[in-house]
Amino acid sequence: MAAASTPGPNSKSDLTNPRIQPPNPRASGVRPALPAFVDWPAFPFEGDLRIKPLQEPVEAEPPRRGDRQEQCAACHTPDSVYLWSNERWRLKSPPAPSGLPVVVILEPRAHLDLGDLSTMHAAELGVLTVRLERAIRSLESVAQVHVNRWGDGTAHLQQWFLARPHGYLQLRGPFMTMWDEILPPVEEHEWRMNLEYIAAWLSDD
């Protein structure tokens, strides 16, 4: 009989007795467990949730919208569609109200992405970001402003500014873009007044 201190055959893993590995969540068809944030108050959904299986990675990524300047929608949109513009930058909004009091998008006039900006463009982007955040946050209906840039989608740089309405603490955090599409749209007259106010703020040099 082996002594009590003698290790048994399964006391540790080695090359002849490997541990059983859990399923790889990146493997095709495997459904990972739900993340903890589904229980956060800010998460907009409840009930039975399922995660989509992760698709296999592609060999070559598809081109983004407007990768070629001649096909870029922003480059072919006149200034009259924008809320505000100057020599190198333009500001626009979605075409209709949504669930948040303000959603605006800052774009360079030239066909540039974030990594393509010159030192001058980069410096101006910083100044305009601060000015826009201040302008939006000065509205009585706004508590905070989220500033986002998504690299996927369009090849022409778009920096988004999304205003969280005052008092709506459940909208705090990374899910506010979802709430923007879930909530009923704000009144159109309020939406237009907010946009006019922001455009006037930028025009007041």
C-alpha atoms as a PDB file:
ATOM      1  CA  MET A   1       0.000   0.000   0.000  1.00  0.00           C
ATOM      2  CA  ALA A   2       1.310   3.431  -0.866  1.00  0.00           C
ATOM      3  CA  ALA A   3       2.089   5.799   1.950  1.00  0.00           C
ATOM      4  CA  ALA A   4      -0.297   8.670   2.539  1.00  0.00           C
ATOM      5  CA  SER A   5       2.278  11.136   1.243  1.00  0.00           C
ATOM      6  CA  THR A   6       2.671   9.305  -2.057  1.00  0.00           C
ATOM      7  CA  PRO A   7       1.042  11.327  -4.852  1.00  0.00           C
ATOM      8  CA  GLY A   8      -1.735   9.599  -6.668  1.00  0.00           C
ATOM      9  CA  PRO A   9      -1.955   9.211 -10.447  1.00  0.00           C
ATOM     10  CA  ASN A  10      -4.173  12.335 -10.867  1.00  0.00           C
ATOM     11  CA  SER A  11      -2.516  14.642  -8.339  1.00  0.00           C
ATOM     12  CA  LYS A  12      -1.045  16.901 -11.026  1.00  0.00           C
ATOM     13  CA  SER A  13      -1.164  17.259 -14.762  1.00  0.00           C
ATOM     14  CA  ASP A  14       1.740  16.291 -16.998  1.00  0.00           C
ATOM     15  CA  LEU A  15       2.223  15.358 -20.632  1.00  0.00           C
ATOM     16  CA  THR A  16       0.779  11.893 -20.035  1.00  0.00           C
ATOM     17  CA  ASN A  17      -2.212  13.145 -18.045  1.00  0.00           C
ATOM     18  CA  PRO A  18      -3.243  16.572 -19.410  1.00  0.00           C
ATOM     19  CA  ARG A  19      -6.022  18.547 -17.771  1.00  0.00           C
ATOM     20  CA  ILE A  20      -9.313  18.676 -19.587  1.00  0.00           C
ATOM     21  CA  GLN A  21      -9.430  22.041 -21.323  1.00  0.00           C
ATOM     22  CA  PRO A  22     -12.620  24.115 -21.416  1.00  0.00           C
ATOM     23  CA  PRO A  23     -14.103  24.907 -24.818  1.00  0.00           C
ATOM     24  CA  ASN A  24     -12.301  27.677 -26.687  1.00  0.00           C
ATOM     25  CA  PRO A  25     -14.755  30.607 -26.942  1.00  0.00           C
ATOM     26  CA  ARG A  26     -13.090  31.641 -30.213  1.00  0.00           C
ATOM     27  CA  ALA A  27     -13.695  28.261 -31.801  1.00  0.00           C
ATOM     28  CA  SER A  28     -16.337  28.272 -34.516  1.00  0.00           C
ATOM     29  CA  GLY A  29     -19.796  27.437 -33.195  1.00  0.00           C
ATOM     30  CA  VAL A  30     -18.900  27.697 -29.509  1.00  0.00           C
ATOM     31  CA  ARG A  31     -21.218  29.910 -27.429  1.00  0.00           C
ATOM     32  CA  PRO A  32     -19.311  31.669 -24.631  1.00  0.00           C
ATOM     33  CA  ALA A  33     -20.939  32.327 -21.287  1.00  0.00           C
ATOM     34  CA  LEU A  34     -22.874  35.559 -20.825  1.00  0.00           C
ATOM     35  CA  PRO A  35     -20.638  38.393 -19.560  1.00  0.00           C
ATOM     36  CA  ALA A  36     -21.235  40.052 -16.222  1.00  0.00           C
ATOM     37  CA  PHE A  37     -22.436  43.308 -17.763  1.00  0.00           C
ATOM     38  CA  VAL A  38     -25.805  41.789 -18.689  1.00  0.00           C
ATOM     39  CA  ASP A  39     -26.699  42.330 -15.015  1.00  0.00           C
ATOM     40  CA  TRP A  40     -25.633  45.984 -14.973  1.00  0.00           C
ATOM     41  CA  PRO A  41     -28.488  48.498 -14.569  1.00  0.00           C
ATOM     42  CA  ALA A  42     -27.309  50.252 -17.738  1.00  0.00           C
ATOM     43  CA  PHE A  43     -27.686  47.140 -19.911  1.00  0.00           C
ATOM     44  CA  PRO A  44     -30.900  47.702 -21.865  1.00  0.00           C
ATOM     45  CA  PHE A  45     -32.127  44.110 -22.162  1.00  0.00           C
ATOM     46  CA  GLU A  46     -33.327  41.444 -19.754  1.00  0.00           C
ATOM     47  CA  GLY A  47     -34.736  37.953 -19.861  1.00  0.00           C
ATOM     48  CA  ASP A  48     -33.291  34.980 -21.699  1.00  0.00           C
ATOM     49  CA  LEU A  49     -30.267  36.053 -23.731  1.00  0.00           C
ATOM     50  CA  ARG A  50     -28.026  34.052 -26.023  1.00  0.00           C
ATOM     51  CA  ILE A  51     -24.662  35.000 -27.488  1.00  0.00           C
ATOM     52  CA  LYS A  52     -24.165  34.453 -31.191  1.00  0.00           C
ATOM     53  CA  PRO A  53     -21.422  31.966 -32.065  1.00  0.00           C
ATOM     54  CA  LEU A  54     -18.212  33.711 -33.101  1.00  0.00           C
ATOM     55  CA  GLN A  55     -17.677  33.510 -36.838  1.00  0.00           C
ATOM     56  CA  GLU A  56     -14.429  32.304 -38.343  1.00  0.00           C
ATOM     57  CA  PRO A  57     -11.931  35.111 -39.093  1.00  0.00           C
ATOM     58  CA  VAL A  58     -11.648  36.082 -42.750  1.00  0.00           C
ATOM     59  CA  GLU A  59      -8.376  36.037 -44.659  1.00  0.00           C
ATOM     60  CA  ALA A  60      -8.806  39.573 -46.056  1.00  0.00           C
ATOM     61  CA  GLU A  61     -11.025  42.269 -44.569  1.00  0.00           C
ATOM     62  CA  PRO A  62     -13.518  43.971 -46.896  1.00  0.00           C
ATOM     63  CA  PRO A  63     -12.986  47.637 -47.767  1.00  0.00           C
ATOM     64  CA  ARG A  64     -14.754  50.198 -45.615  1.00  0.00           C
ATOM     65  CA  ARG A  65     -17.379  52.497 -47.061  1.00  0.00           C
ATOM     66  CA  GLY A  66     -15.731  55.291 -48.998  1.00  0.00           C
ATOM     67  CA  ASP A  67     -12.251  53.785 -49.002  1.00  0.00           C
ATOM     68  CA  ARG A  68     -11.808  55.468 -52.370  1.00  0.00           C
ATOM     69  CA  GLN A  69     -12.435  59.199 -52.264  1.00  0.00           C
ATOM     70  CA  GLU A  70     -14.545  59.178 -55.417  1.00  0.00           C
ATOM     71  CA  GLN A  71     -16.944  56.804 -53.640  1.00  0.00           C
ATOM     72  CA  CYS A  72     -16.984  58.668 -50.305  1.00  0.00           C
ATOM     73  CA  ALA A  73     -20.409  60.048 -49.380  1.00  0.00           C
ATOM     74  CA  ALA A  74     -18.977  62.697 -47.049  1.00  0.00           C
ATOM     75  CA  CYS A  75     -16.714  64.101 -49.759  1.00  0.00           C
ATOM     76  CA  HIS A  76     -19.709  64.546 -52.073  1.00  0.00           C
ATOM     77  CA  THR A  77     -22.095  66.108 -49.530  1.00  0.00           C
ATOM     78  CA  PRO A  78     -22.480  69.911 -49.794  1.00  0.00           C
ATOM     79  CA  ASP A  79     -21.965  72.258 -46.852  1.00  0.00           C
ATOM     80  CA  SER A  80     -25.681  73.074 -46.885  1.00  0.00           C
ATOM     81  CA  VAL A  81     -26.388  69.672 -45.300  1.00  0.00           C
ATOM     82  CA  TYR A  82     -24.085  70.401 -42.366  1.00  0.00           C
ATOM     83  CA  LEU A  83     -24.865  72.352 -39.199  1.00  0.00           C
ATOM     84  CA  TRP A  84     -21.542  74.183 -39.195  1.00  0.00           C
ATOM     85  CA  SER A  85     -18.373  74.243 -41.266  1.00  0.00           C
ATOM     86  CA  ASN A  86     -15.082  76.069 -41.631  1.00  0.00           C
ATOM     87  CA  GLU A  87     -12.060  75.716 -43.886  1.00  0.00           C
ATOM     88  CA  ARG A  88     -11.102  72.242 -42.639  1.00  0.00           C
ATOM     89  CA  TRP A  89     -13.968  70.809 -40.527  1.00  0.00           C
ATOM     90  CA  ARG A  90     -17.708  70.209 -40.762  1.00  0.00           C
ATOM     91  CA  LEU A  91     -20.365  69.221 -38.212  1.00  0.00           C
ATOM     92  CA  LYS A  92     -23.562  67.352 -38.983  1.00  0.00           C
ATOM     93  CA  SER A  93     -26.347  65.488 -37.224  1.00  0.00           C
ATOM     94  CA  PRO A  94     -28.432  62.450 -38.134  1.00  0.00           C
ATOM     95  CA  PRO A  95     -31.393  63.430 -40.346  1.00  0.00           C
ATOM     96  CA  ALA A  96     -34.043  63.009 -37.646  1.00  0.00           C
ATOM     97  CA  PRO A  97     -34.348  63.116 -33.834  1.00  0.00           C
ATOM     98  CA  SER A  98     -33.438  60.043 -31.815  1.00  0.00           C
ATOM     99  CA  GLY A  99     -33.667  59.073 -28.158  1.00  0.00           C
ATOM    100  CA  LEU A 100     -30.838  61.360 -26.981  1.00  0.00           C
ATOM    101  CA  PRO A 101     -31.142  65.151 -26.863  1.00  0.00           C
ATOM    102  CA  VAL A 102     -28.044  65.643 -29.051  1.00  0.00           C
ATOM    103  CA  VAL A 103     -26.124  63.430 -31.463  1.00  0.00           C
ATOM    104  CA  VAL A 104     -23.654  65.227 -33.737  1.00  0.00           C
ATOM    105  CA  ILE A 105     -20.761  64.085 -35.917  1.00  0.00           C
ATOM    106  CA  LEU A 106     -17.554  65.998 -36.591  1.00  0.00           C
ATOM    107  CA  GLU A 107     -15.727  65.301 -39.864  1.00  0.00           C
ATOM    108  CA  PRO A 108     -12.641  66.720 -41.583  1.00  0.00           C
ATOM    109  CA  ARG A 109     -13.393  68.356 -44.897  1.00  0.00           C
ATOM    110  CA  ALA A 110     -10.505  66.466 -46.504  1.00  0.00           C
ATOM    111  CA  HIS A 111     -10.748  62.717 -47.078  1.00  0.00           C
ATOM    112  CA  LEU A 112      -8.788  61.677 -43.969  1.00  0.00           C
ATOM    113  CA  ASP A 113      -9.047  59.056 -41.243  1.00  0.00           C
ATOM    114  CA  LEU A 114      -7.756  59.558 -37.714  1.00  0.00           C
ATOM    115  CA  GLY A 115      -4.268  58.245 -38.437  1.00  0.00           C
ATOM    116  CA  ASP A 116      -4.019  60.386 -41.574  1.00  0.00           C
ATOM    117  CA  LEU A 117      -4.453  63.735 -39.803  1.00  0.00           C
ATOM    118  CA  SER A 118      -1.640  66.234 -40.093  1.00  0.00           C
ATOM    119  CA  THR A 119      -0.278  67.856 -36.953  1.00  0.00           C
ATOM    120  CA  MET A 120      -2.420  70.894 -37.712  1.00  0.00           C
ATOM    121  CA  HIS A 121      -5.572  68.795 -38.186  1.00  0.00           C
ATOM    122  CA  ALA A 122      -4.834  66.843 -35.004  1.00  0.00           C
ATOM    123  CA  ALA A 123      -4.414  70.030 -32.980  1.00  0.00           C
ATOM    124  CA  GLU A 124      -7.658  71.458 -34.377  1.00  0.00           C
ATOM    125  CA  LEU A 125      -9.482  68.217 -33.623  1.00  0.00           C
ATOM    126  CA  GLY A 126      -8.479  68.508 -29.984  1.00  0.00           C
ATOM    127  CA  VAL A 127      -9.672  72.096 -29.740  1.00  0.00           C
ATOM    128  CA  LEU A 128     -12.958  71.370 -31.525  1.00  0.00           C
ATOM    129  CA  THR A 129     -13.586  68.315 -29.357  1.00  0.00           C
ATOM    130  CA  VAL A 130     -13.307  70.415 -26.206  1.00  0.00           C
ATOM    131  CA  ARG A 131     -15.463  73.212 -27.645  1.00  0.00           C
ATOM    132  CA  LEU A 132     -18.177  70.814 -28.750  1.00  0.00           C
ATOM    133  CA  GLU A 133     -18.212  68.965 -25.432  1.00  0.00           C
ATOM    134  CA  ARG A 134     -18.592  72.265 -23.589  1.00  0.00           C
ATOM    135  CA  ALA A 135     -21.333  73.473 -25.917  1.00  0.00           C
ATOM    136  CA  ILE A 136     -23.384  70.281 -25.627  1.00  0.00           C
ATOM    137  CA  ARG A 137     -22.877  69.944 -21.876  1.00  0.00           C
ATOM    138  CA  SER A 138     -24.041  73.532 -21.338  1.00  0.00           C
ATOM    139  CA  LEU A 139     -27.562  72.553 -22.424  1.00  0.00           C
ATOM    140  CA  GLU A 140     -29.920  72.229 -19.446  1.00  0.00           C
ATOM    141  CA  SER A 141     -31.201  68.876 -20.654  1.00  0.00           C
ATOM    142  CA  VAL A 142     -27.712  67.336 -20.829  1.00  0.00           C
ATOM    143  CA  ALA A 143     -25.715  65.787 -17.977  1.00  0.00           C
ATOM    144  CA  GLN A 144     -22.669  64.335 -19.761  1.00  0.00           C
ATOM    145  CA  VAL A 145     -21.270  63.940 -23.269  1.00  0.00           C
ATOM    146  CA  HIS A 146     -19.786  60.768 -24.712  1.00  0.00           C
ATOM    147  CA  VAL A 147     -17.160  61.193 -27.455  1.00  0.00           C
ATOM    148  CA  ASN A 148     -16.631  58.179 -29.718  1.00  0.00           C
ATOM    149  CA  ARG A 149     -14.847  57.198 -32.884  1.00  0.00           C
ATOM    150  CA  TRP A 150     -15.411  53.799 -34.517  1.00  0.00           C
ATOM    151  CA  GLY A 151     -12.769  52.666 -36.991  1.00  0.00           C
ATOM    152  CA  ASP A 152     -15.102  50.294 -38.815  1.00  0.00           C
ATOM    153  CA  GLY A 153     -17.785  51.547 -41.132  1.00  0.00           C
ATOM    154  CA  THR A 154     -16.654  54.597 -43.068  1.00  0.00           C
ATOM    155  CA  ALA A 155     -13.102  55.409 -44.124  1.00  0.00           C
ATOM    156  CA  HIS A 156     -13.737  59.152 -43.700  1.00  0.00           C
ATOM    157  CA  LEU A 157     -13.118  60.122 -40.064  1.00  0.00           C
ATOM    158  CA  GLN A 158     -16.277  60.626 -38.017  1.00  0.00           C
ATOM    159  CA  GLN A 159     -16.098  61.662 -34.368  1.00  0.00           C
ATOM    160  CA  TRP A 160     -19.445  61.231 -32.624  1.00  0.00           C
ATOM    161  CA  PHE A 161     -20.749  63.290 -29.711  1.00  0.00           C
ATOM    162  CA  LEU A 162     -23.680  61.790 -27.809  1.00  0.00           C
ATOM    163  CA  ALA A 163     -25.425  63.629 -24.986  1.00  0.00           C
ATOM    164  CA  ARG A 164     -26.775  61.771 -21.965  1.00  0.00           C
ATOM    165  CA  PRO A 165     -29.993  63.422 -20.781  1.00  0.00           C
ATOM    166  CA  HIS A 166     -29.922  64.870 -17.282  1.00  0.00           C
ATOM    167  CA  GLY A 167     -31.137  62.549 -14.525  1.00  0.00           C
ATOM    168  CA  TYR A 168     -31.181  59.343 -16.602  1.00  0.00           C
ATOM    169  CA  LEU A 169     -28.541  57.431 -14.685  1.00  0.00           C
ATOM    170  CA  GLN A 170     -29.451  54.144 -16.345  1.00  0.00           C
ATOM    171  CA  LEU A 171     -27.998  55.511 -19.575  1.00  0.00           C
ATOM    172  CA  ARG A 172     -24.508  55.898 -18.100  1.00  0.00           C
ATOM    173  CA  GLY A 173     -21.729  53.880 -19.676  1.00  0.00           C
ATOM    174  CA  PRO A 174     -21.035  52.063 -22.935  1.00  0.00           C
ATOM    175  CA  PHE A 175     -24.629  51.104 -23.796  1.00  0.00           C
ATOM    176  CA  MET A 176     -25.885  54.618 -24.443  1.00  0.00           C
ATOM    177  CA  THR A 177     -25.726  54.140 -28.205  1.00  0.00           C
ATOM    178  CA  MET A 178     -28.215  51.275 -27.796  1.00  0.00           C
ATOM    179  CA  TRP A 179     -30.524  53.397 -25.647  1.00  0.00           C
ATOM    180  CA  ASP A 180     -30.405  56.086 -28.346  1.00  0.00           C
ATOM    181  CA  GLU A 181     -32.230  53.719 -30.702  1.00  0.00           C
ATOM    182  CA  ILE A 182     -34.517  52.248 -28.036  1.00  0.00           C
ATOM    183  CA  LEU A 183     -35.879  55.419 -26.433  1.00  0.00           C
ATOM    184  CA  PRO A 184     -38.654  57.386 -28.145  1.00  0.00           C
ATOM    185  CA  PRO A 185     -37.250  60.330 -30.132  1.00  0.00           C
ATOM    186  CA  VAL A 186     -37.086  63.731 -28.496  1.00  0.00           C
ATOM    187  CA  GLU A 187     -39.502  66.387 -29.679  1.00  0.00           C
ATOM    188  CA  GLU A 188     -38.401  67.774 -33.022  1.00  0.00           C
ATOM    189  CA  HIS A 189     -38.569  71.424 -31.947  1.00  0.00           C
ATOM    190  CA  GLU A 190     -36.299  70.690 -28.966  1.00  0.00           C
ATOM    191  CA  TRP A 191     -33.922  68.741 -31.202  1.00  0.00           C
ATOM    192  CA  ARG A 192     -33.676  71.601 -33.692  1.00  0.00           C
ATOM    193  CA  MET A 193     -33.163  74.201 -30.971  1.00  0.00           C
ATOM    194  CA  ASN A 194     -30.327  72.164 -29.487  1.00  0.00           C
ATOM    195  CA  LEU A 195     -28.609  71.852 -32.870  1.00  0.00           C
ATOM    196  CA  GLU A 196     -28.974  75.550 -33.601  1.00  0.00           C
ATOM    197  CA  TYR A 197     -27.503  76.370 -30.204  1.00  0.00           C
ATOM    198  CA  ILE A 198     -24.455  74.151 -30.817  1.00  0.00           C
ATOM    199  CA  ALA A 199     -23.875  75.582 -34.297  1.00  0.00           C
ATOM    200  CA  ALA A 200     -24.062  79.128 -32.897  1.00  0.00           C
ATOM    201  CA  TRP A 201     -21.569  78.219 -30.146  1.00  0.00           C
ATOM    202  CA  LEU A 202     -19.039  77.009 -32.739  1.00  0.00           C
ATOM    203  CA  SER A 203     -19.610  80.057 -34.949  1.00  0.00           C
ATOM    204  CA  ASP A 204     -18.872  82.395 -32.040  1.00  0.00           C
ATOM    205  CA  ASP A 205     -15.096  82.610 -32.284  1.00  0.00           C
END
